[in-house]
């Protein structure tokens, strides 16, 4: 059983216990021929406890955030590096992309630097080239990352034709002053703040390697 299933069962537990307790109290009341004062007080207390449990269970169901639904990205899986890169840059890009694909929700990854694509890895989009649109150009100009939590609601999604067409979320992380690390996820709102900080650190590491060896 996965963690999500365990959480679901825990949220159901107060509802089940409260409903069972209330039912048993009702059955006990029906089969009791003569009701004593002490039993009446116990029944009132039991009804209150059962009601509290049921109410808690209902509140848990409402406030518990649901995990975003993931989709299977459309496209072929691959790994492409620009052939003329120095060996140290190839190793750095291969290492960094592997970490991002295996330790975050990233399913598609592109490294765009100095007006060219240095790496594509994961699920490929239909276009192998990157032509900066409004969003990517803003990242390059302002040197600040952009996280599109749900790509489907942004009209500018058409500029990301180098990612799978049903990509759900995108992070565009600056690589120094000349490039961008572009990450595509298969579920909306799936990157955490910790993910964003870690991605920024890896982008800085890539930038340092590219500046010294590119």
C-alpha atoms as a PDB file:
ATOM      1  CA  UNK A   1       0.000   0.000   0.000  1.00  0.00           C
ATOM      2  CA  UNK A   2       1.444   3.389  -0.965  1.00  0.00           C
ATOM      3  CA  UNK A   3       1.566   6.504   1.188  1.00  0.00           C
ATOM      4  CA  UNK A   4      -1.393   8.094  -0.569  1.00  0.00           C
ATOM      5  CA  UNK A   5      -3.574   5.054   0.180  1.00  0.00           C
ATOM      6  CA  UNK A   6      -2.508   5.074   3.838  1.00  0.00           C
ATOM      7  CA  UNK A   7      -3.445   8.746   4.197  1.00  0.00           C
ATOM      8  CA  UNK A   8      -6.832   8.079   2.618  1.00  0.00           C
ATOM      9  CA  UNK A   9      -7.551   5.262   5.099  1.00  0.00           C
ATOM     10  CA  UNK A  10      -6.494   7.443   8.026  1.00  0.00           C
ATOM     11  CA  UNK A  11      -8.871  10.194   6.888  1.00  0.00           C
ATOM     12  CA  UNK A  12     -11.700   7.654   6.720  1.00  0.00           C
ATOM     13  CA  UNK A  13     -11.004   6.238  10.193  1.00  0.00           C
ATOM     14  CA  UNK A  14     -12.937   8.872  12.241  1.00  0.00           C
ATOM     15  CA  UNK A  15     -15.963   8.476   9.935  1.00  0.00           C
ATOM     16  CA  UNK A  16     -15.927   4.691  10.301  1.00  0.00           C
ATOM     17  CA  UNK A  17     -15.398   4.692  14.077  1.00  0.00           C
ATOM     18  CA  UNK A  18     -17.968   7.433  14.654  1.00  0.00           C
ATOM     19  CA  UNK A  19     -20.568   5.751  12.468  1.00  0.00           C
ATOM     20  CA  UNK A  20     -19.971   2.357  14.070  1.00  0.00           C
ATOM     21  CA  UNK A  21     -20.146   3.803  17.572  1.00  0.00           C
ATOM     22  CA  UNK A  22     -23.378   5.633  16.837  1.00  0.00           C
ATOM     23  CA  UNK A  23     -24.935   2.493  15.337  1.00  0.00           C
ATOM     24  CA  UNK A  24     -23.978   0.372  18.343  1.00  0.00           C
ATOM     25  CA  UNK A  25     -25.472   2.953  20.709  1.00  0.00           C
ATOM     26  CA  UNK A  26     -28.723   2.895  18.762  1.00  0.00           C
ATOM     27  CA  UNK A  27     -28.869  -0.918  18.782  1.00  0.00           C
ATOM     28  CA  UNK A  28     -28.121  -0.988  22.507  1.00  0.00           C
ATOM     29  CA  UNK A  29     -30.917   1.513  23.163  1.00  0.00           C
ATOM     30  CA  UNK A  30     -33.422  -0.524  21.112  1.00  0.00           C
ATOM     31  CA  UNK A  31     -32.675  -3.822  22.838  1.00  0.00           C
ATOM     32  CA  UNK A  32     -32.635  -2.381  26.382  1.00  0.00           C
ATOM     33  CA  UNK A  33     -36.007  -3.065  28.045  1.00  0.00           C
ATOM     34  CA  UNK A  34     -35.614  -0.480  30.802  1.00  0.00           C
ATOM     35  CA  UNK A  35     -33.467   2.641  30.559  1.00  0.00           C
ATOM     36  CA  UNK A  36     -31.638   3.736  33.708  1.00  0.00           C
ATOM     37  CA  UNK A  37     -30.411   7.247  34.454  1.00  0.00           C
ATOM     38  CA  UNK A  38     -26.761   6.173  34.251  1.00  0.00           C
ATOM     39  CA  UNK A  39     -27.338   4.511  30.890  1.00  0.00           C
ATOM     40  CA  UNK A  40     -29.082   7.629  29.586  1.00  0.00           C
ATOM     41  CA  UNK A  41     -26.107   9.765  30.573  1.00  0.00           C
ATOM     42  CA  UNK A  42     -23.715   7.274  28.960  1.00  0.00           C
ATOM     43  CA  UNK A  43     -25.760   7.278  25.760  1.00  0.00           C
ATOM     44  CA  UNK A  44     -25.668  11.076  25.571  1.00  0.00           C
ATOM     45  CA  UNK A  45     -21.911  11.078  26.026  1.00  0.00           C
ATOM     46  CA  UNK A  46     -21.512   8.330  23.415  1.00  0.00           C
ATOM     47  CA  UNK A  47     -23.646  10.225  20.883  1.00  0.00           C
ATOM     48  CA  UNK A  48     -21.547  13.354  21.407  1.00  0.00           C
ATOM     49  CA  UNK A  49     -18.298  11.436  20.908  1.00  0.00           C
ATOM     50  CA  UNK A  50     -19.645   9.719  17.782  1.00  0.00           C
ATOM     51  CA  UNK A  51     -20.798  13.072  16.371  1.00  0.00           C
ATOM     52  CA  UNK A  52     -17.388  14.649  17.043  1.00  0.00           C
ATOM     53  CA  UNK A  53     -15.631  11.775  15.254  1.00  0.00           C
ATOM     54  CA  UNK A  54     -17.928  11.982  12.245  1.00  0.00           C
ATOM     55  CA  UNK A  55     -17.539  15.769  12.054  1.00  0.00           C
ATOM     56  CA  UNK A  56     -13.743  15.447  12.298  1.00  0.00           C
ATOM     57  CA  UNK A  57     -13.744  12.896   9.500  1.00  0.00           C
ATOM     58  CA  UNK A  58     -15.846  15.151   7.266  1.00  0.00           C
ATOM     59  CA  UNK A  59     -13.547  18.107   7.929  1.00  0.00           C
ATOM     60  CA  UNK A  60     -10.477  16.002   7.110  1.00  0.00           C
ATOM     61  CA  UNK A  61     -12.042  15.027   3.799  1.00  0.00           C
ATOM     62  CA  UNK A  62     -12.623  18.666   2.896  1.00  0.00           C
ATOM     63  CA  UNK A  63      -9.320  20.212   3.945  1.00  0.00           C
ATOM     64  CA  UNK A  64      -7.010  17.460   2.735  1.00  0.00           C
ATOM     65  CA  UNK A  65      -5.324  18.670  -0.443  1.00  0.00           C
ATOM     66  CA  UNK A  66      -5.524  16.223  -3.280  1.00  0.00           C
ATOM     67  CA  UNK A  67      -2.404  15.275  -5.169  1.00  0.00           C
ATOM     68  CA  UNK A  68      -2.408  16.648  -8.721  1.00  0.00           C
ATOM     69  CA  UNK A  69      -3.337  14.118 -11.365  1.00  0.00           C
ATOM     70  CA  UNK A  70      -0.397  12.998 -13.484  1.00  0.00           C
ATOM     71  CA  UNK A  71      -0.629  12.238 -17.191  1.00  0.00           C
ATOM     72  CA  UNK A  72       1.511  10.187 -19.525  1.00  0.00           C
ATOM     73  CA  UNK A  73       3.447  12.641 -21.644  1.00  0.00           C
ATOM     74  CA  UNK A  74       3.183  12.286 -25.412  1.00  0.00           C
ATOM     75  CA  UNK A  75       6.487  11.799 -27.193  1.00  0.00           C
ATOM     76  CA  UNK A  76       9.512   9.578 -27.479  1.00  0.00           C
ATOM     77  CA  UNK A  77      12.120   9.199 -24.754  1.00  0.00           C
ATOM     78  CA  UNK A  78      15.744   9.978 -25.479  1.00  0.00           C
ATOM     79  CA  UNK A  79      19.011  11.638 -24.520  1.00  0.00           C
ATOM     80  CA  UNK A  80      20.752  14.090 -26.861  1.00  0.00           C
ATOM     81  CA  UNK A  81      23.886  16.136 -26.253  1.00  0.00           C
ATOM     82  CA  UNK A  82      25.445  18.633 -28.649  1.00  0.00           C
ATOM     83  CA  UNK A  83      28.362  16.643 -30.144  1.00  0.00           C
ATOM     84  CA  UNK A  84      30.946  19.443 -30.076  1.00  0.00           C
ATOM     85  CA  UNK A  85      30.827  20.076 -26.336  1.00  0.00           C
ATOM     86  CA  UNK A  86      33.952  19.581 -24.193  1.00  0.00           C
ATOM     87  CA  UNK A  87      33.947  16.283 -22.340  1.00  0.00           C
ATOM     88  CA  UNK A  88      33.746  17.955 -18.929  1.00  0.00           C
ATOM     89  CA  UNK A  89      30.588  19.806 -20.029  1.00  0.00           C
ATOM     90  CA  UNK A  90      29.013  16.596 -21.340  1.00  0.00           C
ATOM     91  CA  UNK A  91      29.663  14.853 -18.036  1.00  0.00           C
ATOM     92  CA  UNK A  92      28.260  17.784 -16.066  1.00  0.00           C
ATOM     93  CA  UNK A  93      25.083  17.985 -18.142  1.00  0.00           C
ATOM     94  CA  UNK A  94      24.555  14.223 -18.058  1.00  0.00           C
ATOM     95  CA  UNK A  95      24.997  14.150 -14.282  1.00  0.00           C
ATOM     96  CA  UNK A  96      22.729  17.130 -13.618  1.00  0.00           C
ATOM     97  CA  UNK A  97      19.950  15.949 -15.932  1.00  0.00           C
ATOM     98  CA  UNK A  98      20.004  12.467 -14.420  1.00  0.00           C
ATOM     99  CA  UNK A  99      19.580  13.909 -10.914  1.00  0.00           C
ATOM    100  CA  UNK A 100      16.683  16.104 -11.970  1.00  0.00           C
ATOM    101  CA  UNK A 101      14.861  13.339 -13.824  1.00  0.00           C
ATOM    102  CA  UNK A 102      15.235  10.811 -11.028  1.00  0.00           C
ATOM    103  CA  UNK A 103      14.733  13.036  -7.968  1.00  0.00           C
ATOM    104  CA  UNK A 104      11.996  15.460  -9.060  1.00  0.00           C
ATOM    105  CA  UNK A 105       8.753  15.209 -11.016  1.00  0.00           C
ATOM    106  CA  UNK A 106      10.624  16.343 -14.149  1.00  0.00           C
ATOM    107  CA  UNK A 107       9.921  14.193 -17.214  1.00  0.00           C
ATOM    108  CA  UNK A 108      11.354  16.397 -19.955  1.00  0.00           C
ATOM    109  CA  UNK A 109      14.455  18.570 -19.771  1.00  0.00           C
ATOM    110  CA  UNK A 110      16.170  21.035 -22.124  1.00  0.00           C
ATOM    111  CA  UNK A 111      19.344  23.067 -21.628  1.00  0.00           C
ATOM    112  CA  UNK A 112      19.390  26.183 -23.818  1.00  0.00           C
ATOM    113  CA  UNK A 113      22.596  28.194 -23.685  1.00  0.00           C
ATOM    114  CA  UNK A 114      24.191  30.841 -25.878  1.00  0.00           C
ATOM    115  CA  UNK A 115      21.380  30.603 -28.458  1.00  0.00           C
ATOM    116  CA  UNK A 116      21.647  26.836 -28.926  1.00  0.00           C
ATOM    117  CA  UNK A 117      20.338  23.616 -27.443  1.00  0.00           C
ATOM    118  CA  UNK A 118      23.059  21.796 -25.536  1.00  0.00           C
ATOM    119  CA  UNK A 119      20.943  18.963 -24.149  1.00  0.00           C
ATOM    120  CA  UNK A 120      17.559  17.301 -24.457  1.00  0.00           C
ATOM    121  CA  UNK A 121      16.644  14.437 -22.171  1.00  0.00           C
ATOM    122  CA  UNK A 122      13.535  12.602 -21.064  1.00  0.00           C
ATOM    123  CA  UNK A 123      10.384  12.818 -23.174  1.00  0.00           C
ATOM    124  CA  UNK A 124      11.015  14.831 -26.345  1.00  0.00           C
ATOM    125  CA  UNK A 125       8.673  17.357 -27.943  1.00  0.00           C
ATOM    126  CA  UNK A 126       8.143  17.571 -31.687  1.00  0.00           C
ATOM    127  CA  UNK A 127      10.614  20.442 -32.146  1.00  0.00           C
ATOM    128  CA  UNK A 128      14.302  19.889 -31.472  1.00  0.00           C
ATOM    129  CA  UNK A 129      15.139  23.589 -31.574  1.00  0.00           C
ATOM    130  CA  UNK A 130      14.351  26.320 -29.046  1.00  0.00           C
ATOM    131  CA  UNK A 131      13.178  29.698 -30.256  1.00  0.00           C
ATOM    132  CA  UNK A 132      12.731  31.934 -27.197  1.00  0.00           C
ATOM    133  CA  UNK A 133       9.205  33.266 -26.901  1.00  0.00           C
ATOM    134  CA  UNK A 134       7.890  35.897 -24.517  1.00  0.00           C
ATOM    135  CA  UNK A 135       8.230  33.764 -21.400  1.00  0.00           C
ATOM    136  CA  UNK A 136      11.695  32.400 -22.089  1.00  0.00           C
ATOM    137  CA  UNK A 137      12.963  35.803 -23.219  1.00  0.00           C
ATOM    138  CA  UNK A 138      11.734  37.342 -19.978  1.00  0.00           C
ATOM    139  CA  UNK A 139      13.739  34.765 -18.018  1.00  0.00           C
ATOM    140  CA  UNK A 140      16.836  35.579 -20.060  1.00  0.00           C
ATOM    141  CA  UNK A 141      16.362  39.337 -19.706  1.00  0.00           C
ATOM    142  CA  UNK A 142      15.426  39.530 -16.024  1.00  0.00           C
ATOM    143  CA  UNK A 143      17.538  36.601 -14.798  1.00  0.00           C
ATOM    144  CA  UNK A 144      14.670  35.364 -12.656  1.00  0.00           C
ATOM    145  CA  UNK A 145      13.040  31.908 -12.813  1.00  0.00           C
ATOM    146  CA  UNK A 146       9.462  31.401 -13.953  1.00  0.00           C
ATOM    147  CA  UNK A 147       7.316  28.550 -12.677  1.00  0.00           C
ATOM    148  CA  UNK A 148       4.187  27.887 -14.735  1.00  0.00           C
ATOM    149  CA  UNK A 149       2.261  25.723 -12.288  1.00  0.00           C
ATOM    150  CA  UNK A 150      -0.406  24.701 -14.816  1.00  0.00           C
ATOM    151  CA  UNK A 151       0.804  25.193 -18.370  1.00  0.00           C
ATOM    152  CA  UNK A 152      -2.633  24.569 -19.880  1.00  0.00           C
ATOM    153  CA  UNK A 153      -4.020  27.877 -18.589  1.00  0.00           C
ATOM    154  CA  UNK A 154      -1.257  30.018 -20.122  1.00  0.00           C
ATOM    155  CA  UNK A 155      -1.779  31.281 -23.682  1.00  0.00           C
ATOM    156  CA  UNK A 156       2.004  31.420 -24.061  1.00  0.00           C
ATOM    157  CA  UNK A 157       2.253  27.621 -23.814  1.00  0.00           C
ATOM    158  CA  UNK A 158       2.635  27.446 -27.617  1.00  0.00           C
ATOM    159  CA  UNK A 159       6.239  28.598 -27.328  1.00  0.00           C
ATOM    160  CA  UNK A 160       7.138  25.375 -25.532  1.00  0.00           C
ATOM    161  CA  UNK A 161       6.753  23.191 -28.622  1.00  0.00           C
ATOM    162  CA  UNK A 162      10.101  21.575 -27.806  1.00  0.00           C
ATOM    163  CA  UNK A 163       8.390  19.926 -24.808  1.00  0.00           C
ATOM    164  CA  UNK A 164       5.673  17.226 -25.024  1.00  0.00           C
ATOM    165  CA  UNK A 165       2.342  18.802 -26.092  1.00  0.00           C
ATOM    166  CA  UNK A 166       0.564  17.711 -22.898  1.00  0.00           C
ATOM    167  CA  UNK A 167       3.230  18.966 -20.482  1.00  0.00           C
ATOM    168  CA  UNK A 168       1.443  20.043 -17.298  1.00  0.00           C
ATOM    169  CA  UNK A 169       3.959  22.266 -15.518  1.00  0.00           C
ATOM    170  CA  UNK A 170       7.148  24.078 -16.543  1.00  0.00           C
ATOM    171  CA  UNK A 171      10.058  25.664 -14.708  1.00  0.00           C
ATOM    172  CA  UNK A 172      12.382  28.003 -16.611  1.00  0.00           C
ATOM    173  CA  UNK A 173      15.511  28.464 -14.500  1.00  0.00           C
ATOM    174  CA  UNK A 174      18.281  30.883 -15.601  1.00  0.00           C
ATOM    175  CA  UNK A 175      21.721  29.407 -16.253  1.00  0.00           C
ATOM    176  CA  UNK A 176      24.017  32.334 -15.671  1.00  0.00           C
ATOM    177  CA  UNK A 177      23.297  35.243 -18.006  1.00  0.00           C
ATOM    178  CA  UNK A 178      23.231  33.295 -21.270  1.00  0.00           C
ATOM    179  CA  UNK A 179      21.021  30.289 -20.814  1.00  0.00           C
ATOM    180  CA  UNK A 180      17.950  28.644 -19.352  1.00  0.00           C
ATOM    181  CA  UNK A 181      17.272  25.237 -17.848  1.00  0.00           C
ATOM    182  CA  UNK A 182      13.768  24.212 -18.933  1.00  0.00           C
ATOM    183  CA  UNK A 183      11.988  21.476 -17.000  1.00  0.00           C
ATOM    184  CA  UNK A 184       8.650  19.886 -17.895  1.00  0.00           C
ATOM    185  CA  UNK A 185       6.473  17.901 -15.471  1.00  0.00           C
ATOM    186  CA  UNK A 186       3.587  15.501 -16.095  1.00  0.00           C
ATOM    187  CA  UNK A 187       1.389  16.927 -13.320  1.00  0.00           C
ATOM    188  CA  UNK A 188       0.321  20.511 -12.501  1.00  0.00           C
ATOM    189  CA  UNK A 189       1.421  22.182  -9.253  1.00  0.00           C
ATOM    190  CA  UNK A 190       3.855  19.342  -8.658  1.00  0.00           C
ATOM    191  CA  UNK A 191       7.133  21.148  -7.894  1.00  0.00           C
ATOM    192  CA  UNK A 192       7.677  22.071  -4.251  1.00  0.00           C
ATOM    193  CA  UNK A 193       9.609  25.053  -2.917  1.00  0.00           C
ATOM    194  CA  UNK A 194      12.394  22.665  -1.996  1.00  0.00           C
ATOM    195  CA  UNK A 195      12.444  21.396  -5.596  1.00  0.00           C
ATOM    196  CA  UNK A 196      12.703  24.963  -6.888  1.00  0.00           C
ATOM    197  CA  UNK A 197      15.633  25.736  -4.580  1.00  0.00           C
ATOM    198  CA  UNK A 198      17.415  22.538  -5.557  1.00  0.00           C
ATOM    199  CA  UNK A 199      16.873  23.232  -9.275  1.00  0.00           C
ATOM    200  CA  UNK A 200      18.296  26.726  -8.814  1.00  0.00           C
ATOM    201  CA  UNK A 201      21.404  25.256  -7.164  1.00  0.00           C
ATOM    202  CA  UNK A 202      21.954  22.765  -9.976  1.00  0.00           C
ATOM    203  CA  UNK A 203      21.500  25.536 -12.561  1.00  0.00           C
ATOM    204  CA  UNK A 204      24.185  27.595 -10.812  1.00  0.00           C
ATOM    205  CA  UNK A 205      26.521  24.598 -10.873  1.00  0.00           C
ATOM    206  CA  UNK A 206      25.898  24.109 -14.607  1.00  0.00           C
ATOM    207  CA  UNK A 207      26.474  27.830 -15.223  1.00  0.00           C
ATOM    208  CA  UNK A 208      29.845  27.691 -13.480  1.00  0.00           C
ATOM    209  CA  UNK A 209      30.951  24.729 -15.593  1.00  0.00           C
ATOM    210  CA  UNK A 210      29.789  26.320 -18.847  1.00  0.00           C
ATOM    211  CA  UNK A 211      31.467  29.668 -18.129  1.00  0.00           C
ATOM    212  CA  UNK A 212      34.787  27.920 -17.462  1.00  0.00           C
ATOM    213  CA  UNK A 213      34.670  25.421 -20.307  1.00  0.00           C
ATOM    214  CA  UNK A 214      32.388  26.681 -23.039  1.00  0.00           C
END
